[in-house]
Amino acid sequence: MELESPIERVYIDDGDNARYWDTVKYNGHGHPEQDLMLALLKDALRNYRKHLRNPKKSLDEDRRWFFSNDRDGLFSFESVCAVLGLNAQRIRKHLRAWDRAATDSAVNSQ
């Protein structure tokens, strides 16, 4: 007695397969790890800036991530910047400027 598989096998010829991967690659998805790291960095920067305006939010964890010199962690700030070709020190300089501006704004509004 011969059993047939309930899974239908579909053959994709090499031409279709090549066109699919060319489409994926040319639509900016050739390096999904970099896309993920960029999304992580953008989200972290947005949250940092947003929390600067909210005195009830603590930025301790965010500051630890941004200002840590950890290069071993895959998603550490230093690693993310290295993979994306960004200058971590320049970004930190801007974060410090945001901190000063938020502090000055809070002092002036009192």
N, C-alpha and C. Protein backbone atom coordinates (compact mmCIF):
# COMPACT_ATOMS: atom_id res chain seq x y z
N MET A 1 0.84 -1.17 0.00
CA MET A 1 0.00 0.00 0.00
C MET A 1 0.89 1.24 0.00
N GLU A 2 0.64 2.12 -0.91
CA GLU A 2 1.47 3.31 -1.06
C GLU A 2 0.72 4.52 -0.50
N LEU A 3 1.36 5.27 0.40
CA LEU A 3 0.73 6.46 0.98
C LEU A 3 1.19 7.69 0.21
N GLU A 4 0.26 8.55 -0.06
CA GLU A 4 0.61 9.80 -0.74
C GLU A 4 0.71 10.91 0.29
N SER A 5 1.63 11.77 0.11
CA SER A 5 1.83 12.90 1.01
C SER A 5 0.72 13.93 0.81
N PRO A 6 0.16 14.46 1.91
CA PRO A 6 -0.86 15.49 1.78
C PRO A 6 -0.27 16.85 1.36
N ILE A 7 1.04 16.94 1.37
CA ILE A 7 1.70 18.20 1.01
C ILE A 7 2.00 18.18 -0.48
N GLU A 8 1.48 19.16 -1.14
CA GLU A 8 1.73 19.26 -2.58
C GLU A 8 3.07 19.95 -2.80
N ARG A 9 3.89 19.36 -3.57
CA ARG A 9 5.20 19.95 -3.86
C ARG A 9 5.10 20.79 -5.11
N VAL A 10 5.55 21.99 -4.98
CA VAL A 10 5.51 22.91 -6.12
C VAL A 10 6.94 23.13 -6.57
N TYR A 11 7.17 22.96 -7.84
CA TYR A 11 8.49 23.17 -8.40
C TYR A 11 8.60 24.62 -8.88
N ILE A 12 9.64 25.28 -8.44
CA ILE A 12 9.91 26.65 -8.90
C ILE A 12 11.18 26.57 -9.74
N ASP A 13 11.06 26.99 -10.97
CA ASP A 13 12.25 26.91 -11.82
C ASP A 13 13.25 27.98 -11.40
N ASP A 14 14.48 27.80 -11.80
CA ASP A 14 15.55 28.70 -11.39
C ASP A 14 15.31 30.13 -11.83
N GLY A 15 14.65 30.33 -12.95
CA GLY A 15 14.38 31.70 -13.42
C GLY A 15 13.46 32.44 -12.48
N ASP A 16 12.39 31.80 -12.05
CA ASP A 16 11.47 32.43 -11.11
C ASP A 16 12.15 32.68 -9.77
N ASN A 17 12.90 31.72 -9.31
CA ASN A 17 13.60 31.83 -8.05
C ASN A 17 14.59 33.00 -8.09
N ALA A 18 15.34 33.12 -9.16
CA ALA A 18 16.32 34.20 -9.31
C ALA A 18 15.63 35.55 -9.34
N ARG A 19 14.50 35.64 -10.06
CA ARG A 19 13.76 36.91 -10.12
C ARG A 19 13.24 37.31 -8.74
N TYR A 20 12.77 36.31 -7.98
CA TYR A 20 12.28 36.59 -6.62
C TYR A 20 13.40 37.19 -5.77
N TRP A 21 14.56 36.54 -5.75
CA TRP A 21 15.65 37.01 -4.90
C TRP A 21 16.21 38.34 -5.39
N ASP A 22 16.21 38.57 -6.69
CA ASP A 22 16.63 39.87 -7.21
C ASP A 22 15.67 40.95 -6.73
N THR A 23 14.38 40.68 -6.72
CA THR A 23 13.40 41.65 -6.26
C THR A 23 13.60 41.96 -4.79
N VAL A 24 13.80 40.94 -3.99
CA VAL A 24 14.01 41.13 -2.55
C VAL A 24 15.28 41.95 -2.32
N LYS A 25 16.35 41.60 -3.01
CA LYS A 25 17.61 42.30 -2.82
C LYS A 25 17.51 43.76 -3.24
N TYR A 26 16.88 44.04 -4.36
CA TYR A 26 16.82 45.40 -4.87
C TYR A 26 15.80 46.26 -4.13
N ASN A 27 14.95 45.67 -3.33
CA ASN A 27 14.00 46.44 -2.54
C ASN A 27 14.57 46.78 -1.17
N GLY A 28 15.87 46.73 -1.02
CA GLY A 28 16.50 47.18 0.21
C GLY A 28 16.52 46.14 1.32
N HIS A 29 16.25 44.89 1.02
CA HIS A 29 16.24 43.88 2.05
C HIS A 29 17.43 42.94 1.94
N GLY A 30 18.51 43.43 1.40
CA GLY A 30 19.70 42.61 1.26
C GLY A 30 20.43 42.40 2.57
N HIS A 31 20.21 43.29 3.54
CA HIS A 31 20.88 43.21 4.84
C HIS A 31 19.85 43.42 5.94
N PRO A 32 19.02 42.43 6.22
CA PRO A 32 17.96 42.62 7.21
C PRO A 32 18.50 42.91 8.61
N GLU A 33 19.69 42.42 8.92
CA GLU A 33 20.27 42.69 10.24
C GLU A 33 20.53 44.19 10.40
N GLN A 34 21.03 44.81 9.34
CA GLN A 34 21.28 46.25 9.39
C GLN A 34 19.97 47.02 9.49
N ASP A 35 18.94 46.57 8.78
CA ASP A 35 17.63 47.21 8.86
C ASP A 35 17.11 47.15 10.29
N LEU A 36 17.27 46.00 10.93
CA LEU A 36 16.82 45.83 12.31
C LEU A 36 17.60 46.74 13.26
N MET A 37 18.91 46.81 13.07
CA MET A 37 19.73 47.66 13.93
C MET A 37 19.39 49.13 13.74
N LEU A 38 19.13 49.54 12.51
CA LEU A 38 18.75 50.92 12.25
C LEU A 38 17.41 51.24 12.91
N ALA A 39 16.46 50.32 12.82
CA ALA A 39 15.16 50.52 13.46
C ALA A 39 15.32 50.62 14.97
N LEU A 40 16.18 49.78 15.55
CA LEU A 40 16.45 49.82 16.98
C LEU A 40 17.02 51.17 17.39
N LEU A 41 18.00 51.66 16.64
CA LEU A 41 18.63 52.93 16.95
C LEU A 41 17.65 54.09 16.81
N LYS A 42 16.87 54.10 15.75
CA LYS A 42 15.88 55.17 15.56
C LYS A 42 14.87 55.20 16.70
N ASP A 43 14.40 54.03 17.10
CA ASP A 43 13.43 53.93 18.18
C ASP A 43 14.04 54.42 19.50
N ALA A 44 15.28 54.02 19.76
CA ALA A 44 15.96 54.44 20.99
C ALA A 44 16.15 55.96 21.03
N LEU A 45 16.51 56.55 19.91
CA LEU A 45 16.69 58.01 19.85
C LEU A 45 15.36 58.74 20.04
N ARG A 46 14.31 58.24 19.40
CA ARG A 46 12.98 58.86 19.56
C ARG A 46 12.52 58.80 21.02
N ASN A 47 12.67 57.64 21.63
CA ASN A 47 12.25 57.48 23.02
C ASN A 47 13.07 58.36 23.96
N TYR A 48 14.36 58.44 23.71
CA TYR A 48 15.23 59.27 24.55
C TYR A 48 14.78 60.73 24.49
N ARG A 49 14.56 61.20 23.29
CA ARG A 49 14.16 62.60 23.13
C ARG A 49 12.78 62.86 23.75
N LYS A 50 11.87 61.90 23.55
CA LYS A 50 10.53 62.05 24.10
C LYS A 50 10.57 62.06 25.63
N HIS A 51 11.38 61.18 26.23
CA HIS A 51 11.45 61.09 27.68
C HIS A 51 12.17 62.27 28.31
N LEU A 52 12.98 62.98 27.54
CA LEU A 52 13.63 64.19 28.07
C LEU A 52 12.60 65.22 28.49
N ARG A 53 11.48 65.23 27.79
CA ARG A 53 10.43 66.23 28.07
C ARG A 53 9.49 65.79 29.18
N ASN A 54 9.65 64.56 29.66
CA ASN A 54 8.76 64.04 30.69
C ASN A 54 9.57 63.76 31.96
N PRO A 55 9.49 64.64 32.94
CA PRO A 55 10.31 64.47 34.14
C PRO A 55 9.96 63.23 34.95
N LYS A 56 8.79 62.63 34.70
CA LYS A 56 8.39 61.44 35.43
C LYS A 56 9.08 60.18 34.91
N LYS A 57 9.64 60.25 33.72
CA LYS A 57 10.31 59.10 33.12
C LYS A 57 11.79 59.11 33.49
N SER A 58 12.30 57.94 33.78
CA SER A 58 13.72 57.81 34.08
C SER A 58 14.48 57.44 32.80
N LEU A 59 15.57 58.11 32.60
CA LEU A 59 16.41 57.84 31.43
C LEU A 59 17.64 57.01 31.78
N ASP A 60 17.69 56.48 32.99
CA ASP A 60 18.88 55.75 33.43
C ASP A 60 19.21 54.58 32.51
N GLU A 61 18.22 53.76 32.19
CA GLU A 61 18.47 52.60 31.34
C GLU A 61 18.89 53.03 29.93
N ASP A 62 18.23 54.05 29.41
CA ASP A 62 18.58 54.56 28.08
C ASP A 62 20.00 55.11 28.07
N ARG A 63 20.35 55.86 29.09
CA ARG A 63 21.70 56.42 29.17
C ARG A 63 22.76 55.33 29.28
N ARG A 64 22.46 54.28 30.05
CA ARG A 64 23.40 53.17 30.16
C ARG A 64 23.66 52.56 28.78
N TRP A 65 22.59 52.40 27.98
CA TRP A 65 22.76 51.80 26.65
C TRP A 65 23.57 52.72 25.74
N PHE A 66 23.20 54.01 25.70
CA PHE A 66 23.88 54.94 24.81
C PHE A 66 25.33 55.20 25.21
N PHE A 67 25.60 55.26 26.49
CA PHE A 67 26.93 55.68 26.94
C PHE A 67 27.83 54.53 27.41
N SER A 68 27.39 53.30 27.20
CA SER A 68 28.21 52.14 27.54
C SER A 68 29.26 51.93 26.45
N ASN A 69 30.42 51.46 26.87
CA ASN A 69 31.49 51.17 25.92
C ASN A 69 31.50 49.70 25.50
N ASP A 70 30.41 49.00 25.76
CA ASP A 70 30.29 47.58 25.42
C ASP A 70 30.32 47.40 23.91
N ARG A 71 31.28 46.62 23.45
CA ARG A 71 31.39 46.32 22.02
C ARG A 71 31.13 44.84 21.75
N ASP A 72 30.89 44.08 22.82
CA ASP A 72 30.71 42.64 22.68
C ASP A 72 29.27 42.26 22.37
N GLY A 73 28.32 42.98 22.91
CA GLY A 73 26.92 42.65 22.70
C GLY A 73 26.50 42.94 21.27
N LEU A 74 25.76 42.03 20.68
CA LEU A 74 25.34 42.19 19.28
C LEU A 74 24.54 43.47 19.08
N PHE A 75 23.66 43.79 20.03
CA PHE A 75 22.83 44.98 19.90
C PHE A 75 23.23 46.07 20.88
N SER A 76 24.50 46.08 21.28
CA SER A 76 24.99 47.19 22.10
C SER A 76 25.09 48.42 21.20
N PHE A 77 25.05 49.58 21.81
CA PHE A 77 25.11 50.83 21.04
C PHE A 77 26.36 50.89 20.17
N GLU A 78 27.50 50.53 20.76
CA GLU A 78 28.76 50.56 20.01
C GLU A 78 28.71 49.62 18.80
N SER A 79 28.16 48.42 19.00
CA SER A 79 28.07 47.44 17.90
C SER A 79 27.13 47.93 16.80
N VAL A 80 25.99 48.46 17.22
CA VAL A 80 25.02 48.97 16.24
C VAL A 80 25.65 50.07 15.40
N CYS A 81 26.33 51.00 16.05
CA CYS A 81 26.98 52.08 15.31
C CYS A 81 28.06 51.55 14.37
N ALA A 82 28.83 50.57 14.83
CA ALA A 82 29.89 50.01 14.00
C ALA A 82 29.31 49.35 12.75
N VAL A 83 28.25 48.57 12.93
CA VAL A 83 27.65 47.88 11.80
C VAL A 83 27.04 48.87 10.81
N LEU A 84 26.44 49.94 11.33
CA LEU A 84 25.79 50.93 10.46
C LEU A 84 26.77 51.98 9.93
N GLY A 85 28.01 51.96 10.39
CA GLY A 85 29.00 52.93 9.93
C GLY A 85 28.77 54.32 10.49
N LEU A 86 28.24 54.38 11.72
CA LEU A 86 27.96 55.66 12.36
C LEU A 86 28.99 55.95 13.44
N ASN A 87 29.19 57.23 13.71
CA ASN A 87 30.13 57.66 14.73
C ASN A 87 29.40 57.74 16.07
N ALA A 88 29.67 56.79 16.96
CA ALA A 88 29.00 56.72 18.25
C ALA A 88 29.26 57.98 19.08
N GLN A 89 30.48 58.50 19.03
CA GLN A 89 30.82 59.70 19.81
C GLN A 89 30.04 60.92 19.34
N ARG A 90 29.82 61.02 18.05
CA ARG A 90 29.06 62.15 17.51
C ARG A 90 27.59 62.07 17.97
N ILE A 91 27.03 60.88 17.96
CA ILE A 91 25.65 60.71 18.43
C ILE A 91 25.57 61.05 19.91
N ARG A 92 26.54 60.59 20.68
CA ARG A 92 26.56 60.91 22.12
C ARG A 92 26.67 62.41 22.36
N LYS A 93 27.42 63.09 21.53
CA LYS A 93 27.54 64.54 21.64
C LYS A 93 26.17 65.20 21.46
N HIS A 94 25.40 64.72 20.49
CA HIS A 94 24.06 65.26 20.27
C HIS A 94 23.13 64.93 21.44
N LEU A 95 23.27 63.75 22.01
CA LEU A 95 22.45 63.39 23.17
C LEU A 95 22.74 64.31 24.34
N ARG A 96 24.01 64.61 24.55
CA ARG A 96 24.38 65.55 25.64
C ARG A 96 23.81 66.94 25.38
N ALA A 97 23.79 67.35 24.12
CA ALA A 97 23.20 68.65 23.78
C ALA A 97 21.69 68.63 24.05
N TRP A 98 21.04 67.53 23.74
CA TRP A 98 19.60 67.41 24.05
C TRP A 98 19.38 67.49 25.56
N ASP A 99 20.26 66.81 26.32
CA ASP A 99 20.16 66.85 27.79
C ASP A 99 20.28 68.27 28.31
N ARG A 100 21.28 69.01 27.81
CA ARG A 100 21.49 70.39 28.25
C ARG A 100 20.29 71.27 27.90
N ALA A 101 19.79 71.11 26.69
CA ALA A 101 18.64 71.92 26.25
C ALA A 101 17.41 71.61 27.10
N ALA A 102 17.20 70.35 27.43
CA ALA A 102 16.05 69.97 28.25
C ALA A 102 16.20 70.52 29.67
N THR A 103 17.43 70.47 30.20
CA THR A 103 17.69 71.00 31.53
C THR A 103 17.49 72.51 31.55
N ASP A 104 18.03 73.21 30.54
CA ASP A 104 17.87 74.66 30.45
C ASP A 104 16.39 75.04 30.33
N SER A 105 15.66 74.30 29.56
CA SER A 105 14.24 74.56 29.36
C SER A 105 13.47 74.37 30.67
N ALA A 106 13.82 73.33 31.42
CA ALA A 106 13.14 73.05 32.68
C ALA A 106 13.46 74.14 33.71
N VAL A 107 14.70 74.60 33.74
CA VAL A 107 15.11 75.65 34.68
C VAL A 107 14.42 76.97 34.31
N ASN A 108 14.35 77.29 33.03
CA ASN A 108 13.74 78.56 32.59
C ASN A 108 12.23 78.58 32.78
N SER A 109 11.61 77.41 32.79
CA SER A 109 10.14 77.38 32.92
C SER A 109 9.70 77.45 34.39
N GLN A 110 10.65 77.39 35.32
CA GLN A 110 10.28 77.45 36.74
C GLN A 110 10.22 78.85 37.24
